[in-house]
C-alpha atoms as a PDB file:
ATOM      1  CA  UNK A   1     117.598  46.501 158.784  1.00  0.00           C
ATOM      2  CA  UNK A   2     114.217  47.681 157.501  1.00  0.00           C
ATOM      3  CA  UNK A   3     112.149  47.674 160.728  1.00  0.00           C
ATOM      4  CA  UNK A   4     108.693  47.155 159.212  1.00  0.00           C
ATOM      5  CA  UNK A   5     107.601  45.190 156.158  1.00  0.00           C
ATOM      6  CA  UNK A   6     104.236  44.115 154.801  1.00  0.00           C
ATOM      7  CA  UNK A   7     104.060  41.352 152.199  1.00  0.00           C
ATOM      8  CA  UNK A   8     101.076  40.107 150.246  1.00  0.00           C
ATOM      9  CA  UNK A   9      99.081  40.420 147.071  1.00  0.00           C
ATOM     10  CA  UNK A  10      96.921  43.546 147.330  1.00  0.00           C
ATOM     11  CA  UNK A  11      98.847  44.882 150.336  1.00  0.00           C
ATOM     12  CA  UNK A  12      99.361  48.211 148.504  1.00  0.00           C
ATOM     13  CA  UNK A  13      95.809  49.052 149.614  1.00  0.00           C
ATOM     14  CA  UNK A  14      96.994  49.101 153.246  1.00  0.00           C
ATOM     15  CA  UNK A  15      99.320  52.027 152.551  1.00  0.00           C
ATOM     16  CA  UNK A  16      96.979  54.710 153.922  1.00  0.00           C
ATOM     17  CA  UNK A  17      96.604  53.063 157.314  1.00  0.00           C
ATOM     18  CA  UNK A  18     100.340  52.325 157.466  1.00  0.00           C
ATOM     19  CA  UNK A  19     101.518  55.892 156.932  1.00  0.00           C
ATOM     20  CA  UNK A  20      98.775  57.994 158.546  1.00  0.00           C
ATOM     21  CA  UNK A  21     100.111  57.541 162.133  1.00  0.00           C
ATOM     22  CA  UNK A  22     103.398  59.054 160.871  1.00  0.00           C
ATOM     23  CA  UNK A  23     101.732  62.286 159.695  1.00  0.00           C
ATOM     24  CA  UNK A  24     103.259  65.176 161.667  1.00  0.00           C
ATOM     25  CA  UNK A  25     100.384  67.598 160.978  1.00  0.00           C
ATOM     26  CA  UNK A  26      98.130  68.669 158.114  1.00  0.00           C
ATOM     27  CA  UNK A  27     100.765  71.106 156.764  1.00  0.00           C
ATOM     28  CA  UNK A  28     103.474  68.417 156.633  1.00  0.00           C
ATOM     29  CA  UNK A  29     102.630  66.439 153.463  1.00  0.00           C
ATOM     30  CA  UNK A  30     103.502  62.963 152.332  1.00  0.00           C
ATOM     31  CA  UNK A  31     105.343  63.218 149.020  1.00  0.00           C
ATOM     32  CA  UNK A  32     104.898  60.260 146.666  1.00  0.00           C
ATOM     33  CA  UNK A  33     107.730  59.813 144.154  1.00  0.00           C
ATOM     34  CA  UNK A  34     106.165  57.633 141.461  1.00  0.00           C
ATOM     35  CA  UNK A  35     107.668  56.199 138.273  1.00  0.00           C
ATOM     36  CA  UNK A  36     106.128  58.199 135.432  1.00  0.00           C
ATOM     37  CA  UNK A  37     105.324  54.950 133.615  1.00  0.00           C
ATOM     38  CA  UNK A  38     102.275  54.914 135.932  1.00  0.00           C
ATOM     39  CA  UNK A  39     101.187  58.451 135.051  1.00  0.00           C
ATOM     40  CA  UNK A  40      98.413  57.209 132.799  1.00  0.00           C
ATOM     41  CA  UNK A  41      97.709  54.120 134.913  1.00  0.00           C
ATOM     42  CA  UNK A  42      94.575  55.146 136.773  1.00  0.00           C
ATOM     43  CA  UNK A  43      94.301  51.673 138.309  1.00  0.00           C
ATOM     44  CA  UNK A  44      97.416  52.305 140.401  1.00  0.00           C
ATOM     45  CA  UNK A  45      97.373  56.079 140.881  1.00  0.00           C
ATOM     46  CA  UNK A  46      93.770  56.076 142.093  1.00  0.00           C
ATOM     47  CA  UNK A  47      94.854  53.812 144.958  1.00  0.00           C
ATOM     48  CA  UNK A  48      97.505  56.228 146.254  1.00  0.00           C
ATOM     49  CA  UNK A  49      96.081  57.561 149.558  1.00  0.00           C
ATOM     50  CA  UNK A  50      96.370  61.353 149.172  1.00  0.00           C
ATOM     51  CA  UNK A  51      95.083  63.649 151.944  1.00  0.00           C
ATOM     52  CA  UNK A  52      95.504  67.308 152.958  1.00  0.00           C
ATOM     53  CA  UNK A  53      98.540  68.699 151.064  1.00  0.00           C
ATOM     54  CA  UNK A  54      99.950  65.328 149.988  1.00  0.00           C
ATOM     55  CA  UNK A  55     101.078  65.155 146.391  1.00  0.00           C
ATOM     56  CA  UNK A  56     102.526  62.922 143.719  1.00  0.00           C
ATOM     57  CA  UNK A  57     105.724  63.801 141.867  1.00  0.00           C
ATOM     58  CA  UNK A  58     106.154  61.682 138.730  1.00  0.00           C
ATOM     59  CA  UNK A  59     109.778  60.866 138.004  1.00  0.00           C
ATOM     60  CA  UNK A  60     111.283  59.311 134.881  1.00  0.00           C
ATOM     61  CA  UNK A  61     113.327  56.156 135.410  1.00  0.00           C
ATOM     62  CA  UNK A  62     114.816  56.295 131.902  1.00  0.00           C
ATOM     63  CA  UNK A  63     118.185  57.301 133.359  1.00  0.00           C
ATOM     64  CA  UNK A  64     120.069  56.183 136.437  1.00  0.00           C
ATOM     65  CA  UNK A  65     119.499  58.491 139.450  1.00  0.00           C
ATOM     66  CA  UNK A  66     121.850  61.469 139.692  1.00  0.00           C
ATOM     67  CA  UNK A  67     122.965  63.649 142.601  1.00  0.00           C
ATOM     68  CA  UNK A  68     121.792  66.714 140.660  1.00  0.00           C
ATOM     69  CA  UNK A  69     118.337  65.141 140.297  1.00  0.00           C
ATOM     70  CA  UNK A  70     118.164  64.509 144.052  1.00  0.00           C
ATOM     71  CA  UNK A  71     119.159  68.100 144.830  1.00  0.00           C
ATOM     72  CA  UNK A  72     116.542  69.476 142.414  1.00  0.00           C
ATOM     73  CA  UNK A  73     113.805  67.314 143.944  1.00  0.00           C
ATOM     74  CA  UNK A  74     114.753  68.347 147.478  1.00  0.00           C
ATOM     75  CA  UNK A  75     114.752  72.035 146.562  1.00  0.00           C
ATOM     76  CA  UNK A  76     111.390  71.714 144.813  1.00  0.00           C
ATOM     77  CA  UNK A  77     109.839  69.941 147.815  1.00  0.00           C
ATOM     78  CA  UNK A  78     111.179  72.533 150.268  1.00  0.00           C
ATOM     79  CA  UNK A  79     109.952  75.456 148.155  1.00  0.00           C
ATOM     80  CA  UNK A  80     106.454  74.044 147.624  1.00  0.00           C
ATOM     81  CA  UNK A  81     105.787  72.651 151.129  1.00  0.00           C
ATOM     82  CA  UNK A  82     104.684  74.723 154.136  1.00  0.00           C
ATOM     83  CA  UNK A  83     106.626  72.419 156.446  1.00  0.00           C
ATOM     84  CA  UNK A  84     109.147  69.611 156.183  1.00  0.00           C
ATOM     85  CA  UNK A  85     107.309  66.574 154.749  1.00  0.00           C
ATOM     86  CA  UNK A  86     105.941  63.897 157.048  1.00  0.00           C
ATOM     87  CA  UNK A  87     107.414  61.323 154.733  1.00  0.00           C
ATOM     88  CA  UNK A  88     108.696  60.339 151.306  1.00  0.00           C
ATOM     89  CA  UNK A  89     107.103  57.323 149.617  1.00  0.00           C
ATOM     90  CA  UNK A  90     108.840  55.787 146.586  1.00  0.00           C
ATOM     91  CA  UNK A  91     106.721  53.732 144.166  1.00  0.00           C
ATOM     92  CA  UNK A  92     108.702  52.174 141.317  1.00  0.00           C
ATOM     93  CA  UNK A  93     111.847  50.225 140.515  1.00  0.00           C
ATOM     94  CA  UNK A  94     115.362  50.620 141.863  1.00  0.00           C
ATOM     95  CA  UNK A  95     115.830  54.104 140.366  1.00  0.00           C
ATOM     96  CA  UNK A  96     112.748  55.528 142.091  1.00  0.00           C
ATOM     97  CA  UNK A  97     113.463  53.725 145.371  1.00  0.00           C
ATOM     98  CA  UNK A  98     117.036  55.055 145.421  1.00  0.00           C
ATOM     99  CA  UNK A  99     115.764  58.578 144.717  1.00  0.00           C
ATOM    100  CA  UNK A 100     113.236  58.300 147.559  1.00  0.00           C
ATOM    101  CA  UNK A 101     115.938  57.226 150.005  1.00  0.00           C
ATOM    102  CA  UNK A 102     118.296  59.998 148.895  1.00  0.00           C
ATOM    103  CA  UNK A 103     115.621  62.726 149.021  1.00  0.00           C
ATOM    104  CA  UNK A 104     114.598  61.604 152.530  1.00  0.00           C
ATOM    105  CA  UNK A 105     118.222  61.898 153.661  1.00  0.00           C
ATOM    106  CA  UNK A 106     118.847  65.281 152.050  1.00  0.00           C
ATOM    107  CA  UNK A 107     115.750  66.857 153.605  1.00  0.00           C
ATOM    108  CA  UNK A 108     117.504  66.642 156.993  1.00  0.00           C
ATOM    109  CA  UNK A 109     121.167  67.039 155.990  1.00  0.00           C
ATOM    110  CA  UNK A 110     122.825  70.206 154.711  1.00  0.00           C
ATOM    111  CA  UNK A 111     124.781  70.585 151.498  1.00  0.00           C
ATOM    112  CA  UNK A 112     124.609  68.610 148.271  1.00  0.00           C
ATOM    113  CA  UNK A 113     123.913  64.910 147.923  1.00  0.00           C
ATOM    114  CA  UNK A 114     127.317  64.373 146.297  1.00  0.00           C
ATOM    115  CA  UNK A 115     128.871  65.308 149.678  1.00  0.00           C
ATOM    116  CA  UNK A 116     127.422  62.118 151.152  1.00  0.00           C
ATOM    117  CA  UNK A 117     128.535  59.618 148.506  1.00  0.00           C
ATOM    118  CA  UNK A 118     130.588  57.085 150.436  1.00  0.00           C
ATOM    119  CA  UNK A 119     130.271  55.188 153.678  1.00  0.00           C
ATOM    120  CA  UNK A 120     128.704  56.508 156.906  1.00  0.00           C
ATOM    121  CA  UNK A 121     128.905  60.208 156.061  1.00  0.00           C
ATOM    122  CA  UNK A 122     125.248  61.000 156.883  1.00  0.00           C
ATOM    123  CA  UNK A 123     124.937  62.815 160.218  1.00  0.00           C
ATOM    124  CA  UNK A 124     121.169  63.270 160.708  1.00  0.00           C
ATOM    125  CA  UNK A 125     118.310  60.779 160.599  1.00  0.00           C
ATOM    126  CA  UNK A 126     116.328  60.952 157.353  1.00  0.00           C
ATOM    127  CA  UNK A 127     112.644  61.859 157.266  1.00  0.00           C
ATOM    128  CA  UNK A 128     110.276  58.895 157.423  1.00  0.00           C
ATOM    129  CA  UNK A 129     110.475  57.031 154.116  1.00  0.00           C
ATOM    130  CA  UNK A 130     108.613  54.106 152.568  1.00  0.00           C
ATOM    131  CA  UNK A 131     109.622  51.848 149.671  1.00  0.00           C
ATOM    132  CA  UNK A 132     107.127  50.123 147.365  1.00  0.00           C
ATOM    133  CA  UNK A 133     108.850  48.174 144.556  1.00  0.00           C
ATOM    134  CA  UNK A 134     106.962  47.660 141.293  1.00  0.00           C
ATOM    135  CA  UNK A 135     109.683  45.416 139.850  1.00  0.00           C
ATOM    136  CA  UNK A 136     111.704  42.733 141.613  1.00  0.00           C
ATOM    137  CA  UNK A 137     115.440  42.129 141.659  1.00  0.00           C
ATOM    138  CA  UNK A 138     117.254  45.356 142.517  1.00  0.00           C
ATOM    139  CA  UNK A 139     117.229  44.831 146.283  1.00  0.00           C
ATOM    140  CA  UNK A 140     116.942  48.605 146.736  1.00  0.00           C
ATOM    141  CA  UNK A 141     113.886  48.043 148.928  1.00  0.00           C
ATOM    142  CA  UNK A 142     116.092  46.534 151.634  1.00  0.00           C
ATOM    143  CA  UNK A 143     119.627  47.881 151.073  1.00  0.00           C
ATOM    144  CA  UNK A 144     121.482  50.483 153.151  1.00  0.00           C
ATOM    145  CA  UNK A 145     122.622  52.379 150.081  1.00  0.00           C
ATOM    146  CA  UNK A 146     121.185  54.686 147.453  1.00  0.00           C
ATOM    147  CA  UNK A 147     123.394  54.552 144.365  1.00  0.00           C
ATOM    148  CA  UNK A 148     123.805  57.910 142.615  1.00  0.00           C
ATOM    149  CA  UNK A 149     125.807  59.184 139.673  1.00  0.00           C
ATOM    150  CA  UNK A 150     127.571  62.370 140.745  1.00  0.00           C
ATOM    151  CA  UNK A 151     129.817  64.817 138.928  1.00  0.00           C
ATOM    152  CA  UNK A 152     132.930  62.827 139.862  1.00  0.00           C
ATOM    153  CA  UNK A 153     131.790  59.255 140.402  1.00  0.00           C
ATOM    154  CA  UNK A 154     128.982  56.755 140.694  1.00  0.00           C
ATOM    155  CA  UNK A 155     128.739  55.738 144.333  1.00  0.00           C
ATOM    156  CA  UNK A 156     126.102  55.098 146.939  1.00  0.00           C
ATOM    157  CA  UNK A 157     125.118  57.012 150.036  1.00  0.00           C
ATOM    158  CA  UNK A 158     125.807  54.083 152.351  1.00  0.00           C
ATOM    159  CA  UNK A 159     124.568  54.676 155.889  1.00  0.00           C
ATOM    160  CA  UNK A 160     122.432  53.381 158.741  1.00  0.00           C
ATOM    161  CA  UNK A 161     119.956  56.169 157.921  1.00  0.00           C
ATOM    162  CA  UNK A 162     119.475  55.059 154.310  1.00  0.00           C
ATOM    163  CA  UNK A 163     117.193  51.985 154.665  1.00  0.00           C
ATOM    164  CA  UNK A 164     113.446  52.479 154.438  1.00  0.00           C
ATOM    165  CA  UNK A 165     111.397  52.750 157.632  1.00  0.00           C
ATOM    166  CA  UNK A 166     108.587  50.766 156.016  1.00  0.00           C
ATOM    167  CA  UNK A 167     108.425  48.558 152.927  1.00  0.00           C
ATOM    168  CA  UNK A 168     105.296  47.265 151.194  1.00  0.00           C
ATOM    169  CA  UNK A 169     105.920  44.171 149.065  1.00  0.00           C
ATOM    170  CA  UNK A 170     102.931  43.595 146.802  1.00  0.00           C
ATOM    171  CA  UNK A 171     103.725  41.146 143.970  1.00  0.00           C
ATOM    172  CA  UNK A 172     100.623  42.319 142.048  1.00  0.00           C
ATOM    173  CA  UNK A 173     102.433  45.592 141.330  1.00  0.00           C
ATOM    174  CA  UNK A 174     104.920  43.706 139.128  1.00  0.00           C
ATOM    175  CA  UNK A 175     102.216  42.821 136.571  1.00  0.00           C
ATOM    176  CA  UNK A 176     103.124  44.045 133.094  1.00  0.00           C
ATOM    177  CA  UNK A 177     106.907  44.259 133.531  1.00  0.00           C
ATOM    178  CA  UNK A 178     108.467  43.754 130.053  1.00  0.00           C
ATOM    179  CA  UNK A 179     110.257  40.421 129.591  1.00  0.00           C
ATOM    180  CA  UNK A 180     113.739  41.871 129.026  1.00  0.00           C
ATOM    181  CA  UNK A 181     113.422  44.101 132.092  1.00  0.00           C
ATOM    182  CA  UNK A 182     112.149  41.134 134.133  1.00  0.00           C
ATOM    183  CA  UNK A 183     115.290  39.241 133.133  1.00  0.00           C
ATOM    184  CA  UNK A 184     117.800  42.064 133.717  1.00  0.00           C
ATOM    185  CA  UNK A 185     116.536  42.995 137.187  1.00  0.00           C
ATOM    186  CA  UNK A 186     116.185  39.336 138.120  1.00  0.00           C
ATOM    187  CA  UNK A 187     119.792  38.812 137.102  1.00  0.00           C
ATOM    188  CA  UNK A 188     120.774  41.808 139.225  1.00  0.00           C
ATOM    189  CA  UNK A 189     119.437  39.758 142.145  1.00  0.00           C
ATOM    190  CA  UNK A 190     121.236  36.607 140.925  1.00  0.00           C
ATOM    191  CA  UNK A 191     124.499  38.565 140.631  1.00  0.00           C
ATOM    192  CA  UNK A 192     124.005  40.018 144.137  1.00  0.00           C
ATOM    193  CA  UNK A 193     123.871  36.487 145.535  1.00  0.00           C
ATOM    194  CA  UNK A 194     126.834  35.271 143.440  1.00  0.00           C
ATOM    195  CA  UNK A 195     129.059  38.179 144.477  1.00  0.00           C
ATOM    196  CA  UNK A 196     128.088  37.831 148.126  1.00  0.00           C
ATOM    197  CA  UNK A 197     128.524  34.046 148.248  1.00  0.00           C
ATOM    198  CA  UNK A 198     131.925  34.182 146.523  1.00  0.00           C
ATOM    199  CA  UNK A 199     133.259  37.164 148.449  1.00  0.00           C
ATOM    200  CA  UNK A 200     135.834  37.447 151.221  1.00  0.00           C
ATOM    201  CA  UNK A 201     133.316  39.385 153.353  1.00  0.00           C
ATOM    202  CA  UNK A 202     130.984  36.373 153.507  1.00  0.00           C
ATOM    203  CA  UNK A 203     129.643  35.354 156.906  1.00  0.00           C
ATOM    204  CA  UNK A 204     126.913  32.991 158.107  1.00  0.00           C
ATOM    205  CA  UNK A 205     124.364  35.830 158.161  1.00  0.00           C
ATOM    206  CA  UNK A 206     124.924  36.971 154.567  1.00  0.00           C
ATOM    207  CA  UNK A 207     125.392  33.382 153.345  1.00  0.00           C
ATOM    208  CA  UNK A 208     121.971  32.332 154.611  1.00  0.00           C
ATOM    209  CA  UNK A 209     120.271  35.122 152.662  1.00  0.00           C
ATOM    210  CA  UNK A 210     122.521  34.653 149.622  1.00  0.00           C
ATOM    211  CA  UNK A 211     121.774  30.928 149.419  1.00  0.00           C
ATOM    212  CA  UNK A 212     118.042  31.649 149.516  1.00  0.00           C
ATOM    213  CA  UNK A 213     118.222  34.266 146.727  1.00  0.00           C
ATOM    214  CA  UNK A 214     120.472  32.060 144.602  1.00  0.00           C
ATOM    215  CA  UNK A 215     118.126  29.085 144.906  1.00  0.00           C
ATOM    216  CA  UNK A 216     115.021  31.129 144.117  1.00  0.00           C
ATOM    217  CA  UNK A 217     116.641  32.676 141.010  1.00  0.00           C
ATOM    218  CA  UNK A 218     117.559  29.212 139.722  1.00  0.00           C
ATOM    219  CA  UNK A 219     114.014  28.003 140.362  1.00  0.00           C
ATOM    220  CA  UNK A 220     112.521  30.949 138.454  1.00  0.00           C
ATOM    221  CA  UNK A 221     114.985  31.456 135.584  1.00  0.00           C
ATOM    222  CA  UNK A 222     116.560  28.013 135.106  1.00  0.00           C
ATOM    223  CA  UNK A 223     113.963  25.409 136.066  1.00  0.00           C
ATOM    224  CA  UNK A 224     110.989  27.508 134.942  1.00  0.00           C
ATOM    225  CA  UNK A 225     107.440  26.284 134.688  1.00  0.00           C
ATOM    226  CA  UNK A 226     106.176  28.165 137.741  1.00  0.00           C
ATOM    227  CA  UNK A 227     102.674  29.696 137.592  1.00  0.00           C
ATOM    228  CA  UNK A 228     102.906  33.479 137.061  1.00  0.00           C
ATOM    229  CA  UNK A 229     101.703  34.441 140.537  1.00  0.00           C
ATOM    230  CA  UNK A 230     104.072  32.019 142.260  1.00  0.00           C
ATOM    231  CA  UNK A 231     106.992  33.248 140.141  1.00  0.00           C
ATOM    232  CA  UNK A 232     106.153  36.877 141.011  1.00  0.00           C
ATOM    233  CA  UNK A 233     105.950  36.074 144.727  1.00  0.00           C
ATOM    234  CA  UNK A 234     109.215  34.160 144.707  1.00  0.00           C
ATOM    235  CA  UNK A 235     111.124  36.782 142.684  1.00  0.00           C
ATOM    236  CA  UNK A 236     110.016  39.473 145.139  1.00  0.00           C
ATOM    237  CA  UNK A 237     111.399  37.301 147.942  1.00  0.00           C
ATOM    238  CA  UNK A 238     114.596  36.619 145.991  1.00  0.00           C
ATOM    239  CA  UNK A 239     115.115  40.370 145.592  1.00  0.00           C
ATOM    240  CA  UNK A 240     114.655  40.871 149.337  1.00  0.00           C
ATOM    241  CA  UNK A 241     117.045  38.083 150.286  1.00  0.00           C
ATOM    242  CA  UNK A 242     119.651  39.114 147.712  1.00  0.00           C
ATOM    243  CA  UNK A 243     119.548  42.663 149.030  1.00  0.00           C
ATOM    244  CA  UNK A 244     119.861  41.426 152.614  1.00  0.00           C
ATOM    245  CA  UNK A 245     122.837  39.280 151.670  1.00  0.00           C
ATOM    246  CA  UNK A 246     124.841  42.186 150.291  1.00  0.00           C
ATOM    247  CA  UNK A 247     123.717  44.465 153.133  1.00  0.00           C
ATOM    248  CA  UNK A 248     125.777  42.230 155.415  1.00  0.00           C
ATOM    249  CA  UNK A 249     128.651  41.574 153.015  1.00  0.00           C
ATOM    250  CA  UNK A 250     129.327  43.437 149.751  1.00  0.00           C
ATOM    251  CA  UNK A 251     128.968  43.155 145.980  1.00  0.00           C
ATOM    252  CA  UNK A 252     131.910  42.393 143.701  1.00  0.00           C
ATOM    253  CA  UNK A 253     133.445  42.550 140.232  1.00  0.00           C
ATOM    254  CA  UNK A 254     130.271  42.900 138.125  1.00  0.00           C
ATOM    255  CA  UNK A 255     129.006  45.874 140.102  1.00  0.00           C
ATOM    256  CA  UNK A 256     132.393  47.600 140.224  1.00  0.00           C
ATOM    257  CA  UNK A 257     132.861  47.336 136.451  1.00  0.00           C
ATOM    258  CA  UNK A 258     129.239  48.149 135.569  1.00  0.00           C
ATOM    259  CA  UNK A 259     129.435  51.370 137.630  1.00  0.00           C
ATOM    260  CA  UNK A 260     132.013  52.531 135.085  1.00  0.00           C
ATOM    261  CA  UNK A 261     129.631  51.772 132.204  1.00  0.00           C
ATOM    262  CA  UNK A 262     126.815  53.595 133.947  1.00  0.00           C
ATOM    263  CA  UNK A 263     128.904  56.648 134.819  1.00  0.00           C
ATOM    264  CA  UNK A 264     130.236  57.203 131.293  1.00  0.00           C
ATOM    265  CA  UNK A 265     127.575  55.705 129.014  1.00  0.00           C
ATOM    266  CA  UNK A 266     124.472  55.938 131.207  1.00  0.00           C
ATOM    267  CA  UNK A 267     123.955  52.166 130.943  1.00  0.00           C
ATOM    268  CA  UNK A 268     121.063  51.074 133.152  1.00  0.00           C
ATOM    269  CA  UNK A 269     122.091  49.053 136.181  1.00  0.00           C
ATOM    270  CA  UNK A 270     120.407  45.724 135.456  1.00  0.00           C
ATOM    271  CA  UNK A 271     121.479  45.393 131.831  1.00  0.00           C
ATOM    272  CA  UNK A 272     124.918  46.826 132.686  1.00  0.00           C
ATOM    273  CA  UNK A 273     125.500  44.085 135.239  1.00  0.00           C
ATOM    274  CA  UNK A 274     124.449  41.489 132.670  1.00  0.00           C
ATOM    275  CA  UNK A 275     126.796  42.894 129.993  1.00  0.00           C
ATOM    276  CA  UNK A 276     129.698  42.746 132.457  1.00  0.00           C
ATOM    277  CA  UNK A 277     128.844  39.421 134.107  1.00  0.00           C
ATOM    278  CA  UNK A 278     128.782  37.756 130.681  1.00  0.00           C
ATOM    279  CA  UNK A 279     132.602  38.221 130.573  1.00  0.00           C
ATOM    280  CA  UNK A 280     133.535  37.298 134.159  1.00  0.00           C
ATOM    281  CA  UNK A 281     134.386  33.594 133.746  1.00  0.00           C
ATOM    282  CA  UNK A 282     137.756  34.262 135.403  1.00  0.00           C
ATOM    283  CA  UNK A 283     136.062  35.307 138.633  1.00  0.00           C
ATOM    284  CA  UNK A 284     132.789  33.340 138.701  1.00  0.00           C
ATOM    285  CA  UNK A 285     133.178  30.432 136.193  1.00  0.00           C
ATOM    286  CA  UNK A 286     130.326  28.195 137.375  1.00  0.00           C
ATOM    287  CA  UNK A 287     127.846  31.031 137.739  1.00  0.00           C
ATOM    288  CA  UNK A 288     128.680  32.729 134.425  1.00  0.00           C
ATOM    289  CA  UNK A 289     128.020  29.404 132.695  1.00  0.00           C
ATOM    290  CA  UNK A 290     124.680  29.223 134.537  1.00  0.00           C
ATOM    291  CA  UNK A 291     123.905  32.814 133.523  1.00  0.00           C
ATOM    292  CA  UNK A 292     124.555  32.029 129.843  1.00  0.00           C
ATOM    293  CA  UNK A 293     122.225  29.026 130.077  1.00  0.00           C
ATOM    294  CA  UNK A 294     119.485  31.247 131.542  1.00  0.00           C
ATOM    295  CA  UNK A 295     120.028  33.835 128.789  1.00  0.00           C
ATOM    296  CA  UNK A 296     119.639  31.169 126.126  1.00  0.00           C
ATOM    297  CA  UNK A 297     116.560  29.696 127.824  1.00  0.00           C
ATOM    298  CA  UNK A 298     114.802  33.077 127.790  1.00  0.00           C
ATOM    299  CA  UNK A 299     116.158  34.166 124.382  1.00  0.00           C
ATOM    300  CA  UNK A 300     117.922  37.264 125.736  1.00  0.00           C
ATOM    301  CA  UNK A 301     120.314  39.085 123.394  1.00  0.00           C
ATOM    302  CA  UNK A 302     122.735  41.453 125.136  1.00  0.00           C
ATOM    303  CA  UNK A 303     124.051  44.581 123.374  1.00  0.00           C
ATOM    304  CA  UNK A 304     127.468  44.001 121.791  1.00  0.00           C
ATOM    305  CA  UNK A 305     130.417  46.322 121.224  1.00  0.00           C
ATOM    306  CA  UNK A 306     129.252  49.158 123.464  1.00  0.00           C
ATOM    307  CA  UNK A 307     132.875  50.029 124.326  1.00  0.00           C
ATOM    308  CA  UNK A 308     134.396  49.396 120.894  1.00  0.00           C
ATOM    309  CA  UNK A 309     134.466  53.042 119.769  1.00  0.00           C
ATOM    310  CA  UNK A 310     135.546  54.648 123.042  1.00  0.00           C
ATOM    311  CA  UNK A 311     138.663  56.799 123.240  1.00  0.00           C
ATOM    312  CA  UNK A 312     141.569  56.156 125.615  1.00  0.00           C
ATOM    313  CA  UNK A 313     140.294  59.027 127.713  1.00  0.00           C
ATOM    314  CA  UNK A 314     136.816  57.481 127.947  1.00  0.00           C
ATOM    315  CA  UNK A 315     138.227  54.097 128.901  1.00  0.00           C
ATOM    316  CA  UNK A 316     140.382  55.697 131.585  1.00  0.00           C
ATOM    317  CA  UNK A 317     137.344  57.457 133.060  1.00  0.00           C
ATOM    318  CA  UNK A 318     135.512  54.119 133.406  1.00  0.00           C
ATOM    319  CA  UNK A 319     138.602  52.429 134.806  1.00  0.00           C
ATOM    320  CA  UNK A 320     139.040  55.161 137.436  1.00  0.00           C
ATOM    321  CA  UNK A 321     135.394  54.862 138.504  1.00  0.00           C
ATOM    322  CA  UNK A 322     135.701  51.070 138.827  1.00  0.00           C
ATOM    323  CA  UNK A 323     139.025  51.158 140.684  1.00  0.00           C
ATOM    324  CA  UNK A 324     137.625  53.703 143.136  1.00  0.00           C
ATOM    325  CA  UNK A 325     135.220  51.123 144.554  1.00  0.00           C
ATOM    326  CA  UNK A 326     137.746  49.586 146.929  1.00  0.00           C
ATOM    327  CA  UNK A 327     135.368  47.666 149.253  1.00  0.00           C
ATOM    328  CA  UNK A 328     133.893  45.865 146.240  1.00  0.00           C
ATOM    329  CA  UNK A 329     137.294  44.723 145.008  1.00  0.00           C
ATOM    330  CA  UNK A 330     138.415  43.717 148.491  1.00  0.00           C
ATOM    331  CA  UNK A 331     135.302  41.570 148.831  1.00  0.00           C
ATOM    332  CA  UNK A 332     135.794  40.043 145.380  1.00  0.00           C
ATOM    333  CA  UNK A 333     139.542  39.421 145.370  1.00  0.00           C
ATOM    334  CA  UNK A 334     140.870  40.024 148.895  1.00  0.00           C
ATOM    335  CA  UNK A 335     142.941  42.655 150.695  1.00  0.00           C
ATOM    336  CA  UNK A 336     145.755  42.444 148.113  1.00  0.00           C
ATOM    337  CA  UNK A 337     143.422  43.078 145.187  1.00  0.00           C
ATOM    338  CA  UNK A 338     145.581  45.912 143.796  1.00  0.00           C
ATOM    339  CA  UNK A 339     148.266  43.384 142.815  1.00  0.00           C
ATOM    340  CA  UNK A 340     145.972  41.740 140.261  1.00  0.00           C
ATOM    341  CA  UNK A 341     143.270  44.298 139.443  1.00  0.00           C
ATOM    342  CA  UNK A 342     145.167  46.797 137.306  1.00  0.00           C
ATOM    343  CA  UNK A 343     144.178  49.469 134.786  1.00  0.00           C
ATOM    344  CA  UNK A 344     145.447  47.216 132.009  1.00  0.00           C
ATOM    345  CA  UNK A 345     143.283  44.321 133.156  1.00  0.00           C
ATOM    346  CA  UNK A 346     140.174  46.485 133.364  1.00  0.00           C
ATOM    347  CA  UNK A 347     140.863  47.985 129.938  1.00  0.00           C
ATOM    348  CA  UNK A 348     141.022  44.481 128.450  1.00  0.00           C
ATOM    349  CA  UNK A 349     137.738  43.649 130.172  1.00  0.00           C
ATOM    350  CA  UNK A 350     135.946  46.760 128.932  1.00  0.00           C
ATOM    351  CA  UNK A 351     137.154  46.204 125.381  1.00  0.00           C
ATOM    352  CA  UNK A 352     135.471  42.762 125.401  1.00  0.00           C
ATOM    353  CA  UNK A 353     132.165  44.603 125.796  1.00  0.00           C
END
């Protein structure tokens, strides 16, 4: 679990006092990985507490995080820092938070980040790392994984060393999120709770968090009518609880299939999950119907036919990526999932998209 969390509007301004006790010395900088959408936002960047050799690295979130990107960032930080950094602070959405977690891990572990894609492969504790989400829904701020697209697969670095040491949850930072993005990342949270609550890995711990996230998402996206500030606060809490729910269970069909889309087509995670979930009536009938109602309520139009022109080879690549995520399928369908989840079935599913 994340050991320390601060929540509250304006709490971003506490960042300096939170991290300064973790400074190793004046030659060991704090590195801030910040979504480059804030590069021209002086209101936010002026509040980042830089001292000594601390610096900001602006990172584009236009594409899903890659192992090669992590390795390049780590090499750049090592080359330009006198000593190993005191900490890595991620400020942004799920892409930036995942990059911050991965960079923190790779600063203390040898080799390439692709070597650690999987479960419990990390040997050494990561450097101190802090997560500050500027959009709600991904759950990356609380999860024990950092999902990366590597040369062979899209898979997380899942380990006890992955979660942040400190998280700052400031709902004010979500001001200005575009409507479509607000919906897609919110639905990522909704899908987290659905896949957890309907999975074979479910237990009382994950169910408690999943129920909370599910209820909050319905309140925000289905019932509506909440004042903006209250909706922001509640969505940030939904993201946290949805992430906690899957941390103690697992995700399911939508994530497994959307990883294939992301690996081959570069489809962003939130919208990819929505594109897939829209066709999963067989697995989650009640919740897919609810999802379609929420889409209609907020006038969301999903991309159509994104797989219609793919070759057999392309389809097989996506199918292989999806089938490789065994814990997800076991959670979704059970230990005998291979009897029903076949290449043919996945091909039919992808062709619907």
